[in-house]
Amino acid sequence: MSSVRLEESEQGMRVHVPMTFRKRSGRKEIIVPDGVDNSPDSRPDYHKALVIAISRAHRWKKLLDDGRYGSIAEMARDLKVNRYCMARVLRLTLLAPDMVEVILEGREPEGLSLERLRKPMPMLWEEQKKVLLPNSG
């Protein structure tokens, strides 16, 4: 019962992750669909970091795709983010859609950390799953 969708069009692949952002007490908060436990104590910190990084990656990619910024360097400068860090996080938009689903649902294997995902990984989705989700069927 996943609400993560993969859409294919002439422009390419699009991953739809149903979440919204809201400011609460001056902080940005990710709001997930009903039925998903996202309470502060329900997820370990490494899981929260993965979800936030994936969300940022897709937000930044949309800003680039929409032409709001002409380059990663320009966007990083404007958003006051280290451009090398931004480039590594943007790689998360290349994750296989079912891997994104596993992470968003909190089913990622122990040891799959943000630091691991920032490192170079295979471009082919099946190869990614072999490397990053070795025990998945």
N, C-alpha and C. Protein backbone atom coordinates (compact mmCIF):
# COMPACT_ATOMS: atom_id res chain seq x y z
N MET A 1 0.84 -1.18 0.00
CA MET A 1 0.00 0.00 0.00
C MET A 1 0.88 1.24 0.00
N SER A 2 1.59 1.43 -1.09
CA SER A 2 2.50 2.55 -1.18
C SER A 2 1.86 3.70 -1.93
N SER A 3 2.14 4.90 -1.52
CA SER A 3 1.63 6.05 -2.23
C SER A 3 2.73 6.72 -3.04
N VAL A 4 3.91 6.12 -3.05
CA VAL A 4 5.00 6.59 -3.90
C VAL A 4 4.70 6.09 -5.31
N ARG A 5 4.75 7.00 -6.30
CA ARG A 5 4.44 6.62 -7.68
C ARG A 5 5.60 6.94 -8.60
N LEU A 6 5.75 6.11 -9.61
CA LEU A 6 6.73 6.34 -10.66
C LEU A 6 5.95 6.61 -11.94
N GLU A 7 6.23 7.74 -12.58
CA GLU A 7 5.56 8.09 -13.82
C GLU A 7 6.61 8.25 -14.91
N GLU A 8 6.32 7.69 -16.07
CA GLU A 8 7.24 7.78 -17.20
C GLU A 8 6.56 8.61 -18.28
N SER A 9 7.29 9.58 -18.84
CA SER A 9 6.76 10.41 -19.91
C SER A 9 7.87 10.67 -20.91
N GLU A 10 7.56 11.46 -21.93
CA GLU A 10 8.58 11.80 -22.93
C GLU A 10 9.73 12.58 -22.30
N GLN A 11 9.46 13.33 -21.25
CA GLN A 11 10.49 14.12 -20.58
C GLN A 11 11.38 13.27 -19.67
N GLY A 12 10.98 12.05 -19.37
CA GLY A 12 11.78 11.18 -18.51
C GLY A 12 10.95 10.59 -17.39
N MET A 13 11.62 10.13 -16.35
CA MET A 13 10.97 9.51 -15.21
C MET A 13 10.70 10.56 -14.14
N ARG A 14 9.59 10.38 -13.45
CA ARG A 14 9.25 11.27 -12.35
C ARG A 14 8.83 10.41 -11.17
N VAL A 15 9.41 10.69 -10.01
CA VAL A 15 9.04 9.99 -8.78
C VAL A 15 8.15 10.93 -7.99
N HIS A 16 6.95 10.48 -7.67
CA HIS A 16 6.00 11.28 -6.88
C HIS A 16 6.03 10.75 -5.45
N VAL A 17 6.45 11.60 -4.54
CA VAL A 17 6.50 11.25 -3.12
C VAL A 17 5.49 12.16 -2.42
N PRO A 18 4.40 11.59 -1.91
CA PRO A 18 3.36 12.43 -1.31
C PRO A 18 3.78 12.97 0.06
N MET A 19 4.26 14.19 0.05
CA MET A 19 4.62 14.85 1.29
C MET A 19 4.48 16.34 1.07
N THR A 20 4.28 17.04 2.11
CA THR A 20 4.24 18.49 2.04
C THR A 20 5.17 19.03 3.11
N PHE A 21 5.50 20.29 2.96
CA PHE A 21 6.37 20.95 3.93
C PHE A 21 5.55 22.02 4.64
N ARG A 22 5.79 22.16 5.93
CA ARG A 22 5.09 23.17 6.70
C ARG A 22 6.08 23.74 7.71
N LYS A 23 5.94 25.03 7.97
CA LYS A 23 6.77 25.64 9.01
C LYS A 23 6.01 25.57 10.32
N ARG A 24 6.71 25.08 11.32
CA ARG A 24 6.12 24.97 12.65
C ARG A 24 7.18 25.45 13.63
N SER A 25 6.84 26.46 14.39
CA SER A 25 7.77 27.04 15.37
C SER A 25 9.09 27.44 14.71
N GLY A 26 8.99 27.98 13.49
CA GLY A 26 10.18 28.45 12.79
C GLY A 26 11.00 27.36 12.13
N ARG A 27 10.57 26.12 12.22
CA ARG A 27 11.30 25.00 11.61
C ARG A 27 10.45 24.38 10.51
N LYS A 28 11.13 23.90 9.49
CA LYS A 28 10.42 23.20 8.42
C LYS A 28 10.14 21.77 8.86
N GLU A 29 8.95 21.30 8.56
CA GLU A 29 8.54 19.96 8.95
C GLU A 29 7.99 19.24 7.73
N ILE A 30 8.31 17.97 7.60
CA ILE A 30 7.78 17.16 6.51
C ILE A 30 6.49 16.52 7.00
N ILE A 31 5.43 16.70 6.22
CA ILE A 31 4.13 16.13 6.55
C ILE A 31 3.90 14.96 5.59
N VAL A 32 3.68 13.77 6.15
CA VAL A 32 3.49 12.56 5.34
C VAL A 32 2.01 12.17 5.35
N PRO A 33 1.59 11.29 4.44
CA PRO A 33 0.18 10.89 4.37
C PRO A 33 -0.30 10.20 5.65
N ASP A 34 -1.62 10.20 5.85
CA ASP A 34 -2.22 9.51 6.99
C ASP A 34 -1.81 8.04 6.98
N GLY A 35 -1.64 7.49 8.14
CA GLY A 35 -1.30 6.08 8.24
C GLY A 35 0.20 5.84 8.32
N VAL A 36 1.00 6.86 8.11
CA VAL A 36 2.45 6.72 8.21
C VAL A 36 2.88 7.37 9.51
N ASP A 37 3.49 6.60 10.38
CA ASP A 37 3.93 7.11 11.67
C ASP A 37 5.22 7.88 11.48
N ASN A 38 5.13 9.18 11.64
CA ASN A 38 6.31 10.03 11.48
C ASN A 38 6.56 10.83 12.75
N SER A 39 6.08 10.31 13.89
CA SER A 39 6.28 11.01 15.14
C SER A 39 7.76 11.03 15.48
N PRO A 40 8.20 12.03 16.24
CA PRO A 40 9.62 12.17 16.52
C PRO A 40 10.29 10.93 17.09
N ASP A 41 9.58 10.17 17.92
CA ASP A 41 10.20 8.99 18.53
C ASP A 41 10.07 7.73 17.68
N SER A 42 9.36 7.82 16.56
CA SER A 42 9.09 6.61 15.79
C SER A 42 10.22 6.23 14.84
N ARG A 43 11.11 7.14 14.54
CA ARG A 43 12.17 6.88 13.57
C ARG A 43 13.53 7.23 14.17
N PRO A 44 14.54 6.41 13.89
CA PRO A 44 15.89 6.77 14.34
C PRO A 44 16.40 7.99 13.58
N ASP A 45 17.38 8.66 14.15
CA ASP A 45 17.91 9.87 13.53
C ASP A 45 18.45 9.64 12.13
N TYR A 46 19.10 8.49 11.89
CA TYR A 46 19.65 8.26 10.55
C TYR A 46 18.54 8.18 9.52
N HIS A 47 17.37 7.65 9.92
CA HIS A 47 16.24 7.58 8.99
C HIS A 47 15.74 8.98 8.65
N LYS A 48 15.62 9.83 9.66
CA LYS A 48 15.17 11.21 9.43
C LYS A 48 16.13 11.92 8.48
N ALA A 49 17.42 11.71 8.66
CA ALA A 49 18.41 12.34 7.79
C ALA A 49 18.24 11.88 6.34
N LEU A 50 17.97 10.59 6.14
CA LEU A 50 17.76 10.07 4.79
C LEU A 50 16.54 10.72 4.14
N VAL A 51 15.44 10.78 4.86
CA VAL A 51 14.20 11.34 4.32
C VAL A 51 14.38 12.82 3.99
N ILE A 52 15.01 13.56 4.89
CA ILE A 52 15.23 14.99 4.65
C ILE A 52 16.13 15.18 3.44
N ALA A 53 17.19 14.40 3.33
CA ALA A 53 18.11 14.54 2.19
C ALA A 53 17.42 14.22 0.87
N ILE A 54 16.60 13.17 0.84
CA ILE A 54 15.87 12.83 -0.39
C ILE A 54 14.91 13.96 -0.75
N SER A 55 14.24 14.50 0.24
CA SER A 55 13.31 15.61 0.00
C SER A 55 14.04 16.83 -0.56
N ARG A 56 15.16 17.17 0.06
CA ARG A 56 15.95 18.31 -0.43
C ARG A 56 16.45 18.06 -1.85
N ALA A 57 16.93 16.86 -2.10
CA ALA A 57 17.45 16.55 -3.43
C ALA A 57 16.39 16.77 -4.50
N HIS A 58 15.18 16.30 -4.25
CA HIS A 58 14.12 16.46 -5.24
C HIS A 58 13.67 17.92 -5.35
N ARG A 59 13.68 18.63 -4.24
CA ARG A 59 13.34 20.06 -4.28
C ARG A 59 14.37 20.83 -5.09
N TRP A 60 15.65 20.57 -4.83
CA TRP A 60 16.72 21.26 -5.56
C TRP A 60 16.69 20.91 -7.04
N LYS A 61 16.43 19.64 -7.35
CA LYS A 61 16.36 19.23 -8.75
C LYS A 61 15.22 19.95 -9.46
N LYS A 62 14.10 20.11 -8.78
CA LYS A 62 12.97 20.82 -9.37
C LYS A 62 13.35 22.28 -9.65
N LEU A 63 14.07 22.91 -8.73
CA LEU A 63 14.51 24.29 -8.95
C LEU A 63 15.41 24.39 -10.18
N LEU A 64 16.29 23.41 -10.35
CA LEU A 64 17.15 23.39 -11.54
C LEU A 64 16.33 23.12 -12.80
N ASP A 65 15.45 22.12 -12.74
CA ASP A 65 14.63 21.75 -13.90
C ASP A 65 13.71 22.88 -14.33
N ASP A 66 13.20 23.63 -13.37
CA ASP A 66 12.29 24.74 -13.68
C ASP A 66 13.03 25.98 -14.19
N GLY A 67 14.36 25.93 -14.17
CA GLY A 67 15.15 27.05 -14.67
C GLY A 67 15.34 28.18 -13.67
N ARG A 68 14.97 27.94 -12.43
CA ARG A 68 15.15 28.99 -11.42
C ARG A 68 16.63 29.27 -11.21
N TYR A 69 17.44 28.23 -11.34
CA TYR A 69 18.90 28.38 -11.25
C TYR A 69 19.52 27.74 -12.48
N GLY A 70 20.60 28.34 -12.95
CA GLY A 70 21.27 27.83 -14.14
C GLY A 70 22.31 26.78 -13.84
N SER A 71 22.71 26.67 -12.58
CA SER A 71 23.75 25.70 -12.22
C SER A 71 23.65 25.36 -10.74
N ILE A 72 24.31 24.27 -10.39
CA ILE A 72 24.38 23.89 -8.98
C ILE A 72 25.13 24.95 -8.20
N ALA A 73 26.20 25.47 -8.78
CA ALA A 73 27.00 26.49 -8.09
C ALA A 73 26.16 27.73 -7.77
N GLU A 74 25.36 28.17 -8.74
CA GLU A 74 24.51 29.34 -8.53
C GLU A 74 23.47 29.08 -7.43
N MET A 75 22.84 27.92 -7.49
CA MET A 75 21.83 27.57 -6.49
C MET A 75 22.47 27.44 -5.10
N ALA A 76 23.60 26.78 -5.03
CA ALA A 76 24.28 26.61 -3.74
C ALA A 76 24.65 27.96 -3.13
N ARG A 77 25.13 28.86 -3.96
CA ARG A 77 25.50 30.19 -3.48
C ARG A 77 24.25 30.91 -2.93
N ASP A 78 23.16 30.86 -3.69
CA ASP A 78 21.93 31.55 -3.28
C ASP A 78 21.32 30.94 -2.02
N LEU A 79 21.36 29.61 -1.91
CA LEU A 79 20.77 28.93 -0.76
C LEU A 79 21.74 28.77 0.41
N LYS A 80 22.97 29.25 0.20
CA LYS A 80 24.01 29.19 1.24
C LYS A 80 24.30 27.77 1.70
N VAL A 81 24.49 26.90 0.69
CA VAL A 81 24.83 25.49 0.92
C VAL A 81 26.13 25.22 0.18
N ASN A 82 27.01 24.43 0.77
CA ASN A 82 28.24 24.05 0.10
C ASN A 82 27.91 23.34 -1.20
N ARG A 83 28.48 23.81 -2.30
CA ARG A 83 28.09 23.26 -3.62
C ARG A 83 28.47 21.79 -3.78
N TYR A 84 29.56 21.36 -3.15
CA TYR A 84 29.96 19.95 -3.24
C TYR A 84 28.98 19.07 -2.46
N CYS A 85 28.55 19.56 -1.32
CA CYS A 85 27.54 18.84 -0.53
C CYS A 85 26.23 18.78 -1.32
N MET A 86 25.85 19.90 -1.93
CA MET A 86 24.62 19.94 -2.72
C MET A 86 24.69 18.95 -3.88
N ALA A 87 25.82 18.88 -4.55
CA ALA A 87 25.96 17.96 -5.68
C ALA A 87 25.83 16.51 -5.21
N ARG A 88 26.40 16.18 -4.06
CA ARG A 88 26.29 14.81 -3.53
C ARG A 88 24.85 14.48 -3.15
N VAL A 89 24.16 15.44 -2.55
CA VAL A 89 22.77 15.21 -2.17
C VAL A 89 21.89 15.09 -3.42
N LEU A 90 22.17 15.88 -4.45
CA LEU A 90 21.39 15.80 -5.69
C LEU A 90 21.47 14.42 -6.33
N ARG A 91 22.54 13.69 -6.08
CA ARG A 91 22.65 12.32 -6.62
C ARG A 91 21.53 11.42 -6.12
N LEU A 92 20.93 11.77 -5.00
CA LEU A 92 19.84 10.96 -4.45
C LEU A 92 18.63 10.93 -5.37
N THR A 93 18.52 11.90 -6.28
CA THR A 93 17.41 11.88 -7.24
C THR A 93 17.59 10.75 -8.25
N LEU A 94 18.74 10.13 -8.28
CA LEU A 94 19.01 9.03 -9.21
C LEU A 94 18.75 7.66 -8.59
N LEU A 95 18.31 7.64 -7.34
CA LEU A 95 17.99 6.37 -6.68
C LEU A 95 16.80 5.70 -7.35
N ALA A 96 16.84 4.39 -7.40
CA ALA A 96 15.71 3.61 -7.92
C ALA A 96 14.45 3.96 -7.13
N PRO A 97 13.32 4.13 -7.81
CA PRO A 97 12.09 4.51 -7.11
C PRO A 97 11.70 3.56 -5.98
N ASP A 98 11.91 2.27 -6.16
CA ASP A 98 11.55 1.36 -5.07
C ASP A 98 12.51 1.48 -3.90
N MET A 99 13.74 1.94 -4.14
CA MET A 99 14.66 2.21 -3.03
C MET A 99 14.18 3.42 -2.25
N VAL A 100 13.72 4.45 -2.97
CA VAL A 100 13.17 5.63 -2.30
C VAL A 100 11.97 5.21 -1.45
N GLU A 101 11.14 4.36 -1.99
CA GLU A 101 9.96 3.87 -1.26
C GLU A 101 10.38 3.14 0.02
N VAL A 102 11.37 2.27 -0.08
CA VAL A 102 11.86 1.52 1.08
C VAL A 102 12.33 2.49 2.17
N ILE A 103 13.05 3.53 1.76
CA ILE A 103 13.57 4.51 2.72
C ILE A 103 12.43 5.31 3.34
N LEU A 104 11.52 5.81 2.51
CA LEU A 104 10.43 6.64 3.03
C LEU A 104 9.50 5.86 3.96
N GLU A 105 9.38 4.57 3.72
CA GLU A 105 8.54 3.73 4.58
C GLU A 105 9.30 3.21 5.80
N GLY A 106 10.58 3.56 5.93
CA GLY A 106 11.35 3.15 7.09
C GLY A 106 11.79 1.71 7.06
N ARG A 107 11.86 1.10 5.88
CA ARG A 107 12.23 -0.31 5.76
C ARG A 107 13.65 -0.49 5.24
N GLU A 108 14.46 0.57 5.28
CA GLU A 108 15.83 0.44 4.79
C GLU A 108 16.64 -0.48 5.71
N PRO A 109 17.59 -1.21 5.13
CA PRO A 109 18.39 -2.11 5.96
C PRO A 109 19.29 -1.33 6.91
N GLU A 110 19.59 -1.96 8.02
CA GLU A 110 20.51 -1.35 8.97
C GLU A 110 21.83 -1.10 8.27
N GLY A 111 22.39 0.05 8.48
CA GLY A 111 23.67 0.39 7.85
C GLY A 111 23.52 1.21 6.59
N LEU A 112 22.30 1.34 6.06
CA LEU A 112 22.10 2.19 4.89
C LEU A 112 21.94 3.62 5.40
N SER A 113 23.02 4.36 5.36
CA SER A 113 23.04 5.70 5.93
C SER A 113 23.13 6.75 4.84
N LEU A 114 22.89 7.99 5.23
CA LEU A 114 23.04 9.10 4.30
C LEU A 114 24.48 9.16 3.79
N GLU A 115 25.42 8.93 4.68
CA GLU A 115 26.83 8.95 4.26
C GLU A 115 27.09 7.91 3.18
N ARG A 116 26.50 6.74 3.32
CA ARG A 116 26.67 5.68 2.30
C ARG A 116 26.05 6.10 0.97
N LEU A 117 24.88 6.74 1.03
CA LEU A 117 24.20 7.15 -0.20
C LEU A 117 24.86 8.34 -0.88
N ARG A 118 25.67 9.09 -0.15
CA ARG A 118 26.39 10.22 -0.75
C ARG A 118 27.58 9.76 -1.58
N LYS A 119 28.00 8.53 -1.36
CA LYS A 119 29.15 8.00 -2.11
C LYS A 119 28.70 7.56 -3.50
N PRO A 120 29.64 7.47 -4.43
CA PRO A 120 29.27 7.02 -5.78
C PRO A 120 28.57 5.66 -5.73
N MET A 121 27.56 5.52 -6.60
CA MET A 121 26.80 4.28 -6.66
C MET A 121 26.47 3.98 -8.11
N PRO A 122 26.09 2.76 -8.41
CA PRO A 122 25.76 2.41 -9.80
C PRO A 122 24.58 3.25 -10.31
N MET A 123 24.58 3.53 -11.60
CA MET A 123 23.48 4.27 -12.21
C MET A 123 22.28 3.36 -12.48
N LEU A 124 22.54 2.10 -12.81
CA LEU A 124 21.44 1.18 -13.10
C LEU A 124 20.72 0.81 -11.81
N TRP A 125 19.39 0.91 -11.82
CA TRP A 125 18.62 0.68 -10.61
C TRP A 125 18.80 -0.72 -10.06
N GLU A 126 18.84 -1.72 -10.90
CA GLU A 126 19.02 -3.09 -10.42
C GLU A 126 20.37 -3.26 -9.73
N GLU A 127 21.40 -2.61 -10.27
CA GLU A 127 22.73 -2.68 -9.64
C GLU A 127 22.72 -1.94 -8.30
N GLN A 128 22.02 -0.82 -8.22
CA GLN A 128 21.91 -0.09 -6.96
C GLN A 128 21.33 -1.00 -5.88
N LYS A 129 20.26 -1.70 -6.23
CA LYS A 129 19.60 -2.56 -5.25
C LYS A 129 20.53 -3.69 -4.80
N LYS A 130 21.31 -4.24 -5.72
CA LYS A 130 22.25 -5.30 -5.34
C LYS A 130 23.28 -4.79 -4.35
N VAL A 131 23.74 -3.56 -4.56
CA VAL A 131 24.79 -2.98 -3.71
C VAL A 131 24.22 -2.46 -2.39
N LEU A 132 23.09 -1.76 -2.46
CA LEU A 132 22.57 -1.07 -1.28
C LEU A 132 21.51 -1.84 -0.50
N LEU A 133 20.83 -2.76 -1.17
CA LEU A 133 19.80 -3.59 -0.52
C LEU A 133 20.10 -5.05 -0.79
N PRO A 134 21.23 -5.55 -0.31
CA PRO A 134 21.68 -6.89 -0.69
C PRO A 134 20.73 -8.02 -0.31
N ASN A 135 19.92 -7.86 0.70
CA ASN A 135 19.04 -8.95 1.14
C ASN A 135 17.61 -8.82 0.64
N SER A 136 17.39 -7.87 -0.28
CA SER A 136 16.02 -7.71 -0.80
C SER A 136 15.79 -8.73 -1.90
N GLY A 137 14.54 -9.11 -2.07
CA GLY A 137 14.21 -10.12 -3.05
C GLY A 137 13.88 -9.50 -4.32
